[in-house]
């Protein structure tokens, strides 16, 4: 998983805010659930802050190292709530490395097995 910690200092003199400071934490977790070489598919789960599943990810958010991605779909899963299926082009050799960038620009990398 990846975690980012940012601190923001804010001064808006026109409305009387001076010295306002806050810290924000951001988390991103990528889990490779399964790799099926017979149909060129990798199943992953992605969780963000507070373990909440991340929605709205697509081909532009994922990279399978050494392979091209042809399609990314998502579906409901009882355990993980949302599972992404990454279809890839080419021949896969294990271990496989998947990289993910979320909409905030946070990157995480997972390896299987």
Protein backbone atom coordinates (compact mmCIF):
# COMPACT_ATOMS: atom_id res chain seq x y z
CA UNK A 1 0.00 0.00 0.00
CA UNK A 2 0.99 3.64 -0.35
CA UNK A 3 0.40 6.47 2.07
CA UNK A 4 0.88 10.16 1.46
CA UNK A 5 1.05 12.79 4.15
CA UNK A 6 0.63 16.45 3.24
CA UNK A 7 0.56 19.57 5.34
CA UNK A 8 -1.10 22.74 4.09
CA UNK A 9 -0.55 26.22 5.52
CA UNK A 10 -3.26 28.74 4.72
CA UNK A 11 -3.32 32.51 5.13
CA UNK A 12 -6.25 34.48 3.72
CA UNK A 13 -5.85 37.93 5.18
CA UNK A 14 -8.93 39.38 3.47
CA UNK A 15 -11.23 37.18 5.59
CA UNK A 16 -9.08 37.12 8.71
CA UNK A 17 -7.65 33.62 8.38
CA UNK A 18 -4.02 33.54 9.37
CA UNK A 19 -1.85 30.63 10.37
CA UNK A 20 -4.42 27.94 9.55
CA UNK A 21 -2.60 24.62 9.20
CA UNK A 22 -3.91 21.12 8.60
CA UNK A 23 -2.47 17.74 7.78
CA UNK A 24 -4.09 15.23 5.50
CA UNK A 25 -3.31 11.53 5.06
CA UNK A 26 -4.14 9.61 1.90
CA UNK A 27 -3.98 5.84 1.52
CA UNK A 28 -4.12 3.54 -1.50
CA UNK A 29 -4.00 -0.26 -1.42
CA UNK A 30 -3.75 -2.57 -4.46
CA UNK A 31 -4.28 -6.31 -4.02
CA UNK A 32 -3.75 -8.77 -6.88
CA UNK A 33 -6.39 -11.41 -6.22
CA UNK A 34 -5.83 -13.76 -9.12
CA UNK A 35 -3.95 -14.15 -12.39
CA UNK A 36 -5.60 -16.32 -15.05
CA UNK A 37 -3.24 -16.90 -17.97
CA UNK A 38 -5.79 -18.97 -19.91
CA UNK A 39 -7.93 -15.87 -20.58
CA UNK A 40 -5.25 -13.15 -20.10
CA UNK A 41 -6.90 -11.65 -17.04
CA UNK A 42 -5.68 -10.20 -13.76
CA UNK A 43 -8.20 -9.58 -10.95
CA UNK A 44 -7.38 -6.81 -8.48
CA UNK A 45 -9.03 -4.97 -5.61
CA UNK A 46 -8.30 -1.33 -4.84
CA UNK A 47 -9.01 0.32 -1.50
CA UNK A 48 -8.49 3.94 -0.54
CA UNK A 49 -8.87 5.95 2.64
CA UNK A 50 -10.46 4.04 5.54
CA UNK A 51 -10.48 0.83 3.47
CA UNK A 52 -13.20 2.14 1.16
CA UNK A 53 -13.18 0.56 -2.32
CA UNK A 54 -12.01 2.94 -5.05
CA UNK A 55 -14.45 3.34 -7.94
CA UNK A 56 -14.18 4.76 -11.45
CA UNK A 57 -10.78 3.37 -12.43
CA UNK A 58 -9.99 2.41 -16.02
CA UNK A 59 -7.22 1.49 -18.42
CA UNK A 60 -5.39 4.78 -17.87
CA UNK A 61 -5.06 4.05 -14.14
CA UNK A 62 -3.33 0.66 -14.46
CA UNK A 63 -0.08 -0.64 -15.90
CA UNK A 64 0.95 -4.28 -16.16
CA UNK A 65 4.74 -4.18 -16.40
CA UNK A 66 5.91 -5.60 -19.75
CA UNK A 67 2.40 -6.04 -21.19
CA UNK A 68 -0.27 -3.94 -22.89
CA UNK A 69 -3.72 -3.58 -21.35
CA UNK A 70 -6.65 -4.10 -23.71
CA UNK A 71 -9.55 -3.57 -21.31
CA UNK A 72 -10.41 -2.90 -17.65
CA UNK A 73 -13.83 -3.72 -16.22
CA UNK A 74 -15.22 -3.71 -12.71
CA UNK A 75 -17.80 -5.89 -11.00
CA UNK A 76 -19.35 -6.45 -7.58
CA UNK A 77 -17.64 -8.88 -5.22
CA UNK A 78 -18.99 -10.06 -1.85
CA UNK A 79 -15.66 -9.81 -0.06
CA UNK A 80 -13.96 -6.83 -1.76
CA UNK A 81 -17.12 -5.02 -2.99
CA UNK A 82 -15.44 -3.97 -6.25
CA UNK A 83 -13.03 -6.12 -8.26
CA UNK A 84 -11.29 -4.84 -11.38
CA UNK A 85 -10.54 -7.30 -14.18
CA UNK A 86 -7.52 -6.27 -16.25
CA UNK A 87 -7.34 -7.89 -19.68
CA UNK A 88 -3.83 -7.89 -21.10
CA UNK A 89 -2.27 -8.61 -24.48
CA UNK A 90 0.73 -10.92 -24.71
CA UNK A 91 2.26 -13.77 -22.80
CA UNK A 92 2.53 -13.40 -19.04
CA UNK A 93 5.30 -14.88 -16.94
CA UNK A 94 5.14 -14.89 -13.16
CA UNK A 95 5.78 -12.94 -11.05
CA UNK A 96 3.63 -10.16 -12.47
CA UNK A 97 3.83 -6.51 -11.40
CA UNK A 98 0.81 -4.19 -11.58
CA UNK A 99 1.03 -0.43 -11.03
CA UNK A 100 -1.90 1.82 -10.22
CA UNK A 101 -2.39 5.60 -10.19
CA UNK A 102 -5.58 6.92 -8.62
CA UNK A 103 -7.30 10.20 -9.47
CA UNK A 104 -5.25 11.98 -6.75
CA UNK A 105 -2.00 10.95 -8.44
CA UNK A 106 -1.00 8.49 -5.73
CA UNK A 107 0.84 5.45 -7.11
CA UNK A 108 1.00 1.94 -5.68
CA UNK A 109 2.64 -1.23 -7.01
CA UNK A 110 1.73 -4.86 -6.31
CA UNK A 111 3.45 -8.11 -7.25
CA UNK A 112 1.96 -11.60 -7.68
CA UNK A 113 2.79 -14.12 -6.32
